[in-house]
């Protein structure tokens, strides 16, 4: 699940969220916002039973991303429609 809100500075904040155990193990979100560098944005457990990571971006930024699980498992966001070009979200708030 992707949520777009505003940071305290008023810029868009994109929160990436997955269920706690799907998939099991550590997961990071990797994409255009972090130069596709694994491990820079690990999803951390939350009290609501999910895990998430947030990034602040410039207004109008188009983000491409995928999730990277343990053992090199790359996967797309299960809540976004299938796309040939991978997951993409525009931070327009």
Protein backbone atom coordinates (compact mmCIF):
# COMPACT_ATOMS: atom_id res chain seq x y z
CA UNK A 1 0.00 0.00 0.00
CA UNK A 2 1.21 3.50 -0.85
CA UNK A 3 0.13 6.59 1.05
CA UNK A 4 1.00 10.15 0.05
CA UNK A 5 0.81 12.86 2.69
CA UNK A 6 2.66 16.08 3.54
CA UNK A 7 5.78 16.25 5.67
CA UNK A 8 6.19 18.91 8.37
CA UNK A 9 8.07 20.98 5.81
CA UNK A 10 5.05 20.81 3.47
CA UNK A 11 6.69 18.58 0.86
CA UNK A 12 5.15 15.28 -0.26
CA UNK A 13 5.92 12.25 1.91
CA UNK A 14 5.41 8.80 0.38
CA UNK A 15 4.88 5.91 2.79
CA UNK A 16 5.39 2.37 1.53
CA UNK A 17 3.59 -0.27 3.61
CA UNK A 18 3.28 -4.07 3.57
CA UNK A 19 1.70 -6.64 5.89
CA UNK A 20 4.07 -7.74 8.67
CA UNK A 21 4.78 -11.25 7.37
CA UNK A 22 4.25 -11.07 3.63
CA UNK A 23 6.92 -11.90 2.69
CA UNK A 24 8.68 -13.01 5.86
CA UNK A 25 12.02 -11.48 6.81
CA UNK A 26 13.50 -8.09 6.14
CA UNK A 27 12.23 -5.98 3.25
CA UNK A 28 13.47 -2.69 1.86
CA UNK A 29 11.92 -0.39 -0.71
CA UNK A 30 14.29 0.43 -3.53
CA UNK A 31 13.73 2.93 -6.28
CA UNK A 32 14.44 6.13 -8.13
CA UNK A 33 14.32 8.12 -4.86
CA UNK A 34 17.36 6.28 -3.42
CA UNK A 35 19.30 5.53 -6.61
CA UNK A 36 18.09 1.89 -6.49
CA UNK A 37 20.31 1.23 -3.47
CA UNK A 38 19.14 -1.82 -1.46
CA UNK A 39 18.95 -1.46 2.30
CA UNK A 40 18.66 2.33 2.50
CA UNK A 41 14.93 2.24 3.34
CA UNK A 42 14.03 -0.86 5.35
CA UNK A 43 10.41 -1.32 6.25
CA UNK A 44 10.05 -1.29 10.04
CA UNK A 45 7.27 -2.90 12.10
CA UNK A 46 4.38 -0.68 13.22
CA UNK A 47 1.79 -1.17 15.97
CA UNK A 48 -0.98 -1.68 13.39
CA UNK A 49 0.49 -5.00 12.23
CA UNK A 50 2.13 -3.61 9.13
CA UNK A 51 5.66 -2.46 8.36
CA UNK A 52 6.53 0.71 6.51
CA UNK A 53 9.14 3.20 5.35
CA UNK A 54 8.62 6.84 4.36
CA UNK A 55 10.53 9.14 2.03
CA UNK A 56 10.17 12.87 1.43
CA UNK A 57 10.24 13.95 -2.22
CA UNK A 58 9.85 17.08 -4.31
CA UNK A 59 6.31 17.93 -5.50
CA UNK A 60 5.43 16.26 -8.80
CA UNK A 61 8.16 13.63 -8.46
CA UNK A 62 7.40 10.39 -10.27
CA UNK A 63 8.80 7.46 -8.30
CA UNK A 64 9.61 4.07 -9.70
CA UNK A 65 10.20 1.38 -7.09
CA UNK A 66 10.18 -2.28 -6.15
CA UNK A 67 10.56 -4.13 -2.89
CA UNK A 68 13.57 -6.31 -2.10
CA UNK A 69 13.14 -9.12 0.39
CA UNK A 70 15.59 -11.53 1.90
CA UNK A 71 17.51 -13.89 -0.38
CA UNK A 72 17.31 -11.41 -3.27
CA UNK A 73 13.51 -11.67 -3.73
CA UNK A 74 12.37 -8.67 -5.82
CA UNK A 75 8.63 -8.02 -5.94
CA UNK A 76 6.08 -5.35 -6.83
CA UNK A 77 3.56 -3.71 -4.53
CA UNK A 78 0.61 -6.13 -4.28
CA UNK A 79 -1.90 -3.24 -4.04
CA UNK A 80 -0.90 -1.57 -7.30
CA UNK A 81 -2.17 -2.81 -10.65
CA UNK A 82 0.23 -4.88 -12.74
CA UNK A 83 2.35 -2.70 -14.98
CA UNK A 84 4.86 -3.69 -17.60
CA UNK A 85 7.22 -0.93 -16.42
CA UNK A 86 7.08 -1.83 -12.70
CA UNK A 87 5.54 0.15 -9.87
CA UNK A 88 5.21 3.88 -10.33
CA UNK A 89 3.60 6.61 -8.21
CA UNK A 90 3.45 10.38 -8.68
CA UNK A 91 3.79 12.53 -5.55
CA UNK A 92 1.50 15.40 -6.50
CA UNK A 93 0.21 16.47 -3.10
